[in-house]
PDB file of N, CA and C in Angstrom:
ATOM      1  N   MET A   1      61.990 -68.580  96.323  1.00  0.00           N
ATOM      2  CA  MET A   1      62.471 -67.683  95.284  1.00  0.00           C
ATOM      3  C   MET A   1      61.307 -66.813  94.780  1.00  0.00           C
ATOM      4  N   LYS A   2      61.579 -65.579  94.491  1.00  0.00           N
ATOM      5  CA  LYS A   2      60.573 -64.633  94.030  1.00  0.00           C
ATOM      6  C   LYS A   2      60.144 -64.947  92.599  1.00  0.00           C
ATOM      7  N   GLN A   3      58.852 -64.772  92.335  1.00  0.00           N
ATOM      8  CA  GLN A   3      58.362 -65.003  90.977  1.00  0.00           C
ATOM      9  C   GLN A   3      58.800 -63.880  90.051  1.00  0.00           C
ATOM     10  N   SER A   4      58.954 -64.237  88.779  1.00  0.00           N
ATOM     11  CA  SER A   4      59.267 -63.281  87.728  1.00  0.00           C
ATOM     12  C   SER A   4      58.234 -63.434  86.622  1.00  0.00           C
ATOM     13  N   TYR A   5      58.113 -62.396  85.823  1.00  0.00           N
ATOM     14  CA  TYR A   5      57.097 -62.370  84.784  1.00  0.00           C
ATOM     15  C   TYR A   5      57.692 -61.898  83.458  1.00  0.00           C
ATOM     16  N   VAL A   6      57.271 -62.549  82.400  1.00  0.00           N
ATOM     17  CA  VAL A   6      57.504 -62.060  81.042  1.00  0.00           C
ATOM     18  C   VAL A   6      56.140 -61.558  80.593  1.00  0.00           C
ATOM     19  N   TYR A   7      56.097 -60.372  80.031  1.00  0.00           N
ATOM     20  CA  TYR A   7      54.808 -59.797  79.673  1.00  0.00           C
ATOM     21  C   TYR A   7      54.854 -59.152  78.295  1.00  0.00           C
ATOM     22  N   ILE A   8      53.667 -59.059  77.706  1.00  0.00           N
ATOM     23  CA  ILE A   8      53.508 -58.338  76.437  1.00  0.00           C
ATOM     24  C   ILE A   8      52.432 -57.291  76.661  1.00  0.00           C
ATOM     25  N   ILE A   9      52.769 -56.056  76.326  1.00  0.00           N
ATOM     26  CA  ILE A   9      51.785 -54.982  76.347  1.00  0.00           C
ATOM     27  C   ILE A   9      51.599 -54.495  74.909  1.00  0.00           C
ATOM     28  N   ALA A  10      50.432 -53.907  74.659  1.00  0.00           N
ATOM     29  CA  ALA A  10      50.084 -53.459  73.312  1.00  0.00           C
ATOM     30  C   ALA A  10      49.463 -52.071  73.370  1.00  0.00           C
ATOM     31  N   SER A  11      49.525 -51.380  72.250  1.00  0.00           N
ATOM     32  CA  SER A  11      48.890 -50.063  72.164  1.00  0.00           C
ATOM     33  C   SER A  11      47.384 -50.208  71.930  1.00  0.00           C
ATOM     34  N   LYS A  12      47.001 -51.289  71.245  1.00  0.00           N
ATOM     35  CA  LYS A  12      45.605 -51.623  70.945  1.00  0.00           C
ATOM     36  C   LYS A  12      45.620 -53.010  70.314  1.00  0.00           C
ATOM     37  N   LYS A  13      44.470 -53.554  69.989  1.00  0.00           N
ATOM     38  CA  LYS A  13      44.416 -54.864  69.340  1.00  0.00           C
ATOM     39  C   LYS A  13      45.196 -54.790  68.029  1.00  0.00           C
ATOM     40  N   ASN A  14      46.116 -55.714  67.857  1.00  0.00           N
ATOM     41  CA  ASN A  14      46.991 -55.776  66.682  1.00  0.00           C
ATOM     42  C   ASN A  14      47.866 -54.534  66.525  1.00  0.00           C
ATOM     43  N   GLY A  15      48.060 -53.798  67.598  1.00  0.00           N
ATOM     44  CA  GLY A  15      48.865 -52.590  67.549  1.00  0.00           C
ATOM     45  C   GLY A  15      50.338 -52.867  67.840  1.00  0.00           C
ATOM     46  N   THR A  16      51.029 -51.828  68.248  1.00  0.00           N
ATOM     47  CA  THR A  16      52.443 -51.925  68.585  1.00  0.00           C
ATOM     48  C   THR A  16      52.607 -52.757  69.847  1.00  0.00           C
ATOM     49  N   LEU A  17      53.599 -53.645  69.846  1.00  0.00           N
ATOM     50  CA  LEU A  17      53.837 -54.543  70.965  1.00  0.00           C
ATOM     51  C   LEU A  17      55.147 -54.218  71.665  1.00  0.00           C
ATOM     52  N   TYR A  18      55.183 -54.505  72.965  1.00  0.00           N
ATOM     53  CA  TYR A  18      56.391 -54.379  73.762  1.00  0.00           C
ATOM     54  C   TYR A  18      56.476 -55.611  74.657  1.00  0.00           C
ATOM     55  N   ILE A  19      57.646 -56.225  74.720  1.00  0.00           N
ATOM     56  CA  ILE A  19      57.870 -57.391  75.560  1.00  0.00           C
ATOM     57  C   ILE A  19      58.867 -57.013  76.642  1.00  0.00           C
ATOM     58  N   GLY A  20      58.540 -57.374  77.879  1.00  0.00           N
ATOM     59  CA  GLY A  20      59.425 -57.055  78.986  1.00  0.00           C
ATOM     60  C   GLY A  20      59.462 -58.169  80.016  1.00  0.00           C
ATOM     61  N   VAL A  21      60.328 -58.002  81.003  1.00  0.00           N
ATOM     62  CA  VAL A  21      60.452 -58.939  82.116  1.00  0.00           C
ATOM     63  C   VAL A  21      60.510 -58.118  83.401  1.00  0.00           C
ATOM     64  N   THR A  22      59.907 -58.645  84.474  1.00  0.00           N
ATOM     65  CA  THR A  22      59.867 -57.924  85.740  1.00  0.00           C
ATOM     66  C   THR A  22      59.658 -58.898  86.886  1.00  0.00           C
ATOM     67  N   SER A  23      59.970 -58.462  88.085  1.00  0.00           N
ATOM     68  CA  SER A  23      59.687 -59.268  89.270  1.00  0.00           C
ATOM     69  C   SER A  23      58.421 -58.772  89.974  1.00  0.00           C
ATOM     70  N   ASP A  24      57.850 -57.663  89.499  1.00  0.00           N
ATOM     71  CA  ASP A  24      56.626 -57.116  90.084  1.00  0.00           C
ATOM     72  C   ASP A  24      55.729 -56.634  88.943  1.00  0.00           C
ATOM     73  N   LEU A  25      54.910 -57.535  88.445  1.00  0.00           N
ATOM     74  CA  LEU A  25      54.116 -57.250  87.247  1.00  0.00           C
ATOM     75  C   LEU A  25      53.130 -56.110  87.462  1.00  0.00           C
ATOM     76  N   LYS A  26      52.427 -56.117  88.569  1.00  0.00           N
ATOM     77  CA  LYS A  26      51.429 -55.069  88.817  1.00  0.00           C
ATOM     78  C   LYS A  26      52.075 -53.683  88.848  1.00  0.00           C
ATOM     79  N   ARG A  27      53.194 -53.566  89.563  1.00  0.00           N
ATOM     80  CA  ARG A  27      53.896 -52.281  89.631  1.00  0.00           C
ATOM     81  C   ARG A  27      54.396 -51.852  88.256  1.00  0.00           C
ATOM     82  N   ARG A  28      54.964 -52.797  87.512  1.00  0.00           N
ATOM     83  CA  ARG A  28      55.553 -52.459  86.211  1.00  0.00           C
ATOM     84  C   ARG A  28      54.492 -52.008  85.219  1.00  0.00           C
ATOM     85  N   ILE A  29      53.358 -52.676  85.192  1.00  0.00           N
ATOM     86  CA  ILE A  29      52.294 -52.273  84.271  1.00  0.00           C
ATOM     87  C   ILE A  29      51.708 -50.927  84.706  1.00  0.00           C
ATOM     88  N   TYR A  30      51.615 -50.703  86.006  1.00  0.00           N
ATOM     89  CA  TYR A  30      51.179 -49.395  86.508  1.00  0.00           C
ATOM     90  C   TYR A  30      52.111 -48.304  85.966  1.00  0.00           C
ATOM     91  N   GLU A  31      53.408 -48.570  85.991  1.00  0.00           N
ATOM     92  CA  GLU A  31      54.380 -47.604  85.477  1.00  0.00           C
ATOM     93  C   GLU A  31      54.161 -47.343  83.988  1.00  0.00           C
ATOM     94  N   HIS A  32      53.904 -48.399  83.222  1.00  0.00           N
ATOM     95  CA  HIS A  32      53.634 -48.210  81.790  1.00  0.00           C
ATOM     96  C   HIS A  32      52.358 -47.382  81.588  1.00  0.00           C
ATOM     97  N   LYS A  33      51.305 -47.721  82.322  1.00  0.00           N
ATOM     98  CA  LYS A  33      50.020 -47.037  82.168  1.00  0.00           C
ATOM     99  C   LYS A  33      50.101 -45.552  82.532  1.00  0.00           C
ATOM    100  N   ASN A  34      50.933 -45.242  83.494  1.00  0.00           N
ATOM    101  CA  ASN A  34      51.032 -43.859  83.957  1.00  0.00           C
ATOM    102  C   ASN A  34      52.238 -43.122  83.373  1.00  0.00           C
ATOM    103  N   LYS A  35      52.819 -43.706  82.346  1.00  0.00           N
ATOM    104  CA  LYS A  35      53.931 -43.092  81.604  1.00  0.00           C
ATOM    105  C   LYS A  35      55.115 -42.769  82.506  1.00  0.00           C
ATOM    106  N   LEU A  36      55.334 -43.607  83.519  1.00  0.00           N
ATOM    107  CA  LEU A  36      56.461 -43.437  84.435  1.00  0.00           C
ATOM    108  C   LEU A  36      57.703 -44.140  83.916  1.00  0.00           C
ATOM    109  N   ALA A  37      57.508 -45.037  82.950  1.00  0.00           N
ATOM    110  CA  ALA A  37      58.622 -45.785  82.360  1.00  0.00           C
ATOM    111  C   ALA A  37      59.058 -45.076  81.073  1.00  0.00           C
ATOM    112  N   GLU A  38      60.235 -44.493  81.106  1.00  0.00           N
ATOM    113  CA  GLU A  38      60.753 -43.798  79.932  1.00  0.00           C
ATOM    114  C   GLU A  38      61.066 -44.805  78.826  1.00  0.00           C
ATOM    115  N   GLY A  39      60.990 -44.351  77.584  1.00  0.00           N
ATOM    116  CA  GLY A  39      61.403 -45.193  76.479  1.00  0.00           C
ATOM    117  C   GLY A  39      60.289 -45.559  75.522  1.00  0.00           C
ATOM    118  N   PHE A  40      60.441 -46.728  74.949  1.00  0.00           N
ATOM    119  CA  PHE A  40      59.586 -47.190  73.852  1.00  0.00           C
ATOM    120  C   PHE A  40      58.108 -47.181  74.217  1.00  0.00           C
ATOM    121  N   SER A  41      57.746 -47.759  75.361  1.00  0.00           N
ATOM    122  CA  SER A  41      56.324 -47.860  75.704  1.00  0.00           C
ATOM    123  C   SER A  41      55.690 -46.488  75.927  1.00  0.00           C
ATOM    124  N   LYS A  42      56.424 -45.572  76.494  1.00  0.00           N
ATOM    125  CA  LYS A  42      55.910 -44.217  76.697  1.00  0.00           C
ATOM    126  C   LYS A  42      55.779 -43.492  75.357  1.00  0.00           C
ATOM    127  N   ARG A  43      56.793 -43.631  74.524  1.00  0.00           N
ATOM    128  CA  ARG A  43      56.813 -42.957  73.232  1.00  0.00           C
ATOM    129  C   ARG A  43      55.656 -43.399  72.339  1.00  0.00           C
ATOM    130  N   TYR A  44      55.306 -44.691  72.386  1.00  0.00           N
ATOM    131  CA  TYR A  44      54.277 -45.226  71.497  1.00  0.00           C
ATOM    132  C   TYR A  44      52.958 -45.524  72.213  1.00  0.00           C
ATOM    133  N   ASP A  45      52.799 -45.033  73.435  1.00  0.00           N
ATOM    134  CA  ASP A  45      51.568 -45.165  74.214  1.00  0.00           C
ATOM    135  C   ASP A  45      51.114 -46.628  74.290  1.00  0.00           C
ATOM    136  N   ILE A  46      52.016 -47.470  74.782  1.00  0.00           N
ATOM    137  CA  ILE A  46      51.761 -48.908  74.898  1.00  0.00           C
ATOM    138  C   ILE A  46      51.545 -49.229  76.369  1.00  0.00           C
ATOM    139  N   SER A  47      50.332 -49.690  76.720  1.00  0.00           N
ATOM    140  CA  SER A  47      50.082 -49.952  78.146  1.00  0.00           C
ATOM    141  C   SER A  47      49.041 -51.036  78.424  1.00  0.00           C
ATOM    142  N   LEU A  48      48.496 -51.679  77.412  1.00  0.00           N
ATOM    143  CA  LEU A  48      47.504 -52.734  77.639  1.00  0.00           C
ATOM    144  C   LEU A  48      48.214 -54.061  77.880  1.00  0.00           C
ATOM    145  N   LEU A  49      48.057 -54.628  79.049  1.00  0.00           N
ATOM    146  CA  LEU A  49      48.664 -55.929  79.351  1.00  0.00           C
ATOM    147  C   LEU A  49      47.823 -57.002  78.671  1.00  0.00           C
ATOM    148  N   VAL A  50      48.364 -57.604  77.610  1.00  0.00           N
ATOM    149  CA  VAL A  50      47.595 -58.582  76.840  1.00  0.00           C
ATOM    150  C   VAL A  50      48.081 -60.014  77.026  1.00  0.00           C
ATOM    151  N   TYR A  51      49.264 -60.200  77.652  1.00  0.00           N
ATOM    152  CA  TYR A  51      49.809 -61.545  77.830  1.00  0.00           C
ATOM    153  C   TYR A  51      50.890 -61.511  78.898  1.00  0.00           C
ATOM    154  N   PHE A  52      50.949 -62.587  79.694  1.00  0.00           N
ATOM    155  CA  PHE A  52      52.080 -62.726  80.612  1.00  0.00           C
ATOM    156  C   PHE A  52      52.289 -64.182  80.978  1.00  0.00           C
ATOM    157  N   GLU A  53      53.506 -64.484  81.387  1.00  0.00           N
ATOM    158  CA  GLU A  53      53.897 -65.813  81.855  1.00  0.00           C
ATOM    159  C   GLU A  53      54.596 -65.637  83.198  1.00  0.00           C
ATOM    160  N   ILE A  54      54.472 -66.637  84.065  1.00  0.00           N
ATOM    161  CA  ILE A  54      55.068 -66.592  85.398  1.00  0.00           C
ATOM    162  C   ILE A  54      56.214 -67.598  85.475  1.00  0.00           C
ATOM    163  N   TYR A  55      57.318 -67.172  86.078  1.00  0.00           N
ATOM    164  CA  TYR A  55      58.505 -68.015  86.244  1.00  0.00           C
ATOM    165  C   TYR A  55      58.982 -67.955  87.687  1.00  0.00           C
ATOM    166  N   ASP A  56      59.535 -69.066  88.155  1.00  0.00           N
ATOM    167  CA  ASP A  56      60.136 -69.108  89.484  1.00  0.00           C
ATOM    168  C   ASP A  56      61.617 -68.752  89.458  1.00  0.00           C
ATOM    169  N   ASP A  57      62.175 -68.677  88.261  1.00  0.00           N
ATOM    170  CA  ASP A  57      63.606 -68.402  88.091  1.00  0.00           C
ATOM    171  C   ASP A  57      63.771 -67.233  87.119  1.00  0.00           C
ATOM    172  N   ILE A  58      64.322 -66.129  87.594  1.00  0.00           N
ATOM    173  CA  ILE A  58      64.488 -64.932  86.758  1.00  0.00           C
ATOM    174  C   ILE A  58      65.314 -65.220  85.519  1.00  0.00           C
ATOM    175  N   ARG A  59      66.262 -66.130  85.625  1.00  0.00           N
ATOM    176  CA  ARG A  59      67.094 -66.457  84.461  1.00  0.00           C
ATOM    177  C   ARG A  59      66.266 -67.066  83.344  1.00  0.00           C
ATOM    178  N   LEU A  60      65.295 -67.898  83.693  1.00  0.00           N
ATOM    179  CA  LEU A  60      64.413 -68.484  82.687  1.00  0.00           C
ATOM    180  C   LEU A  60      63.497 -67.421  82.076  1.00  0.00           C
ATOM    181  N   ALA A  61      63.049 -66.494  82.908  1.00  0.00           N
ATOM    182  CA  ALA A  61      62.203 -65.406  82.410  1.00  0.00           C
ATOM    183  C   ALA A  61      62.968 -64.530  81.422  1.00  0.00           C
ATOM    184  N   ILE A  62      64.191 -64.209  81.732  1.00  0.00           N
ATOM    185  CA  ILE A  62      65.018 -63.389  80.843  1.00  0.00           C
ATOM    186  C   ILE A  62      65.282 -64.120  79.534  1.00  0.00           C
ATOM    187  N   LEU A  63      65.554 -65.402  79.614  1.00  0.00           N
ATOM    188  CA  LEU A  63      65.765 -66.204  78.410  1.00  0.00           C
ATOM    189  C   LEU A  63      64.513 -66.220  77.534  1.00  0.00           C
ATOM    190  N   ARG A  64      63.347 -66.414  78.162  1.00  0.00           N
ATOM    191  CA  ARG A  64      62.084 -66.419  77.413  1.00  0.00           C
ATOM    192  C   ARG A  64      61.831 -65.056  76.779  1.00  0.00           C
ATOM    193  N   GLU A  65      62.096 -63.977  77.506  1.00  0.00           N
ATOM    194  CA  GLU A  65      61.910 -62.627  76.957  1.00  0.00           C
ATOM    195  C   GLU A  65      62.758 -62.452  75.701  1.00  0.00           C
ATOM    196  N   LYS A  66      64.003 -62.846  75.762  1.00  0.00           N
ATOM    197  CA  LYS A  66      64.896 -62.708  74.610  1.00  0.00           C
ATOM    198  C   LYS A  66      64.400 -63.515  73.423  1.00  0.00           C
ATOM    199  N   ARG A  67      63.911 -64.721  73.707  1.00  0.00           N
ATOM    200  CA  ARG A  67      63.398 -65.569  72.622  1.00  0.00           C
ATOM    201  C   ARG A  67      62.146 -64.970  71.997  1.00  0.00           C
ATOM    202  N   LEU A  68      61.233 -64.476  72.826  1.00  0.00           N
ATOM    203  CA  LEU A  68      60.011 -63.863  72.300  1.00  0.00           C
ATOM    204  C   LEU A  68      60.318 -62.627  71.458  1.00  0.00           C
ATOM    205  N   LYS A  69      61.280 -61.850  71.893  1.00  0.00           N
ATOM    206  CA  LYS A  69      61.643 -60.650  71.133  1.00  0.00           C
ATOM    207  C   LYS A  69      62.178 -60.999  69.750  1.00  0.00           C
ATOM    208  N   ALA A  70      62.741 -62.197  69.610  1.00  0.00           N
ATOM    209  CA  ALA A  70      63.282 -62.629  68.319  1.00  0.00           C
ATOM    210  C   ALA A  70      62.206 -63.233  67.407  1.00  0.00           C
ATOM    211  N   TRP A  71      61.035 -63.493  67.953  1.00  0.00           N
ATOM    212  CA  TRP A  71      59.958 -64.095  67.169  1.00  0.00           C
ATOM    213  C   TRP A  71      59.444 -63.128  66.111  1.00  0.00           C
ATOM    214  N   LYS A  72      58.859 -63.701  65.065  1.00  0.00           N
ATOM    215  CA  LYS A  72      58.151 -62.901  64.060  1.00  0.00           C
ATOM    216  C   LYS A  72      56.884 -62.334  64.701  1.00  0.00           C
ATOM    217  N   ARG A  73      56.449 -61.200  64.196  1.00  0.00           N
ATOM    218  CA  ARG A  73      55.273 -60.525  64.747  1.00  0.00           C
ATOM    219  C   ARG A  73      54.037 -61.429  64.737  1.00  0.00           C
ATOM    220  N   ASP A  74      53.798 -62.140  63.656  1.00  0.00           N
ATOM    221  CA  ASP A  74      52.592 -62.969  63.593  1.00  0.00           C
ATOM    222  C   ASP A  74      52.624 -64.096  64.623  1.00  0.00           C
ATOM    223  N   TRP A  75      53.807 -64.580  64.982  1.00  0.00           N
ATOM    224  CA  TRP A  75      53.920 -65.595  66.037  1.00  0.00           C
ATOM    225  C   TRP A  75      53.513 -64.995  67.380  1.00  0.00           C
ATOM    226  N   LYS A  76      53.934 -63.749  67.622  1.00  0.00           N
ATOM    227  CA  LYS A  76      53.592 -63.071  68.878  1.00  0.00           C
ATOM    228  C   LYS A  76      52.080 -62.845  68.968  1.00  0.00           C
ATOM    229  N   ILE A  77      51.496 -62.428  67.862  1.00  0.00           N
ATOM    230  CA  ILE A  77      50.050 -62.196  67.839  1.00  0.00           C
ATOM    231  C   ILE A  77      49.305 -63.502  68.075  1.00  0.00           C
ATOM    232  N   ARG A  78      49.755 -64.573  67.469  1.00  0.00           N
ATOM    233  CA  ARG A  78      49.127 -65.886  67.669  1.00  0.00           C
ATOM    234  C   ARG A  78      49.219 -66.302  69.145  1.00  0.00           C
ATOM    235  N   LEU A  79      50.372 -66.076  69.767  1.00  0.00           N
ATOM    236  CA  LEU A  79      50.565 -66.400  71.179  1.00  0.00           C
ATOM    237  C   LEU A  79      49.563 -65.631  72.048  1.00  0.00           C
ATOM    238  N   ILE A  80      49.428 -64.343  71.795  1.00  0.00           N
ATOM    239  CA  ILE A  80      48.477 -63.512  72.545  1.00  0.00           C
ATOM    240  C   ILE A  80      47.062 -64.030  72.354  1.00  0.00           C
ATOM    241  N   GLU A  81      46.674 -64.264  71.108  1.00  0.00           N
ATOM    242  CA  GLU A  81      45.288 -64.628  70.810  1.00  0.00           C
ATOM    243  C   GLU A  81      44.914 -66.033  71.279  1.00  0.00           C
ATOM    244  N   GLU A  82      45.901 -66.898  71.489  1.00  0.00           N
ATOM    245  CA  GLU A  82      45.601 -68.216  72.052  1.00  0.00           C
ATOM    246  C   GLU A  82      45.079 -68.093  73.478  1.00  0.00           C
ATOM    247  N   GLN A  83      45.603 -67.145  74.244  1.00  0.00           N
ATOM    248  CA  GLN A  83      45.224 -66.960  75.639  1.00  0.00           C
ATOM    249  C   GLN A  83      44.236 -65.811  75.848  1.00  0.00           C
ATOM    250  N   ASN A  84      44.259 -64.838  74.949  1.00  0.00           N
ATOM    251  CA  ASN A  84      43.482 -63.615  75.142  1.00  0.00           C
ATOM    252  C   ASN A  84      42.951 -63.143  73.779  1.00  0.00           C
ATOM    253  N   PRO A  85      41.998 -63.884  73.191  1.00  0.00           N
ATOM    254  CA  PRO A  85      41.537 -63.575  71.833  1.00  0.00           C
ATOM    255  C   PRO A  85      40.914 -62.194  71.666  1.00  0.00           C
ATOM    256  N   GLU A  86      40.391 -61.639  72.738  1.00  0.00           N
ATOM    257  CA  GLU A  86      39.766 -60.309  72.659  1.00  0.00           C
ATOM    258  C   GLU A  86      40.748 -59.183  72.968  1.00  0.00           C
ATOM    259  N   TRP A  87      41.982 -59.529  73.303  1.00  0.00           N
ATOM    260  CA  TRP A  87      43.006 -58.555  73.675  1.00  0.00           C
ATOM    261  C   TRP A  87      42.546 -57.709  74.865  1.00  0.00           C
ATOM    262  N   ASN A  88      41.911 -58.346  75.831  1.00  0.00           N
ATOM    263  CA  ASN A  88      41.484 -57.646  77.043  1.00  0.00           C
ATOM    264  C   ASN A  88      42.714 -57.192  77.837  1.00  0.00           C
ATOM    265  N   ASP A  89      42.550 -56.108  78.561  1.00  0.00           N
ATOM    266  CA  ASP A  89      43.618 -55.612  79.423  1.00  0.00           C
ATOM    267  C   ASP A  89      43.629 -56.440  80.696  1.00  0.00           C
ATOM    268  N   LEU A  90      44.623 -57.307  80.839  1.00  0.00           N
ATOM    269  CA  LEU A  90      44.702 -58.239  81.956  1.00  0.00           C
ATOM    270  C   LEU A  90      45.157 -57.575  83.254  1.00  0.00           C
ATOM    271  N   TYR A  91      45.571 -56.332  83.171  1.00  0.00           N
ATOM    272  CA  TYR A  91      46.037 -55.617  84.361  1.00  0.00           C
ATOM    273  C   TYR A  91      44.987 -55.618  85.466  1.00  0.00           C
ATOM    274  N   PHE A  92      43.735 -55.458  85.078  1.00  0.00           N
ATOM    275  CA  PHE A  92      42.656 -55.336  86.049  1.00  0.00           C
ATOM    276  C   PHE A  92      42.281 -56.668  86.690  1.00  0.00           C
ATOM    277  N   GLU A  93      42.872 -57.758  86.184  1.00  0.00           N
ATOM    278  CA  GLU A  93      42.640 -59.088  86.758  1.00  0.00           C
ATOM    279  C   GLU A  93      43.790 -59.498  87.699  1.00  0.00           C
ATOM    280  N   LEU A  94      44.847 -58.702  87.771  1.00  0.00           N
ATOM    281  CA  LEU A  94      45.975 -59.025  88.643  1.00  0.00           C
ATOM    282  C   LEU A  94      45.591 -58.814  90.095  1.00  0.00           C
ATOM    283  N   ARG A  95      46.110 -59.664  90.967  1.00  0.00           N
ATOM    284  CA  ARG A  95      45.846 -59.512  92.407  1.00  0.00           C
ATOM    285  C   ARG A  95      46.894 -58.665  93.046  1.00  0.00           C
TER     286      ARG A  95
END
């Protein structure tokens, strides 16, 4: 089964956040960075990959995305900072 990803991108440290799900994380973040994805991320210049999770089942990834979107902002920030305290752009670490 193909891997799926839940990801969080940000405009800057503690900036505007966007949560999404995809089956091709590198391609999807490339689209955000190059403003190829219409909508919220393009409008608010959100393209720094600050967090992601890997799933073997797309249904679980979609469920997690929905749950994360319902979280309070400070919970999302805490989640990011547990794994990426400097808010580094993880895109450049993807294979």
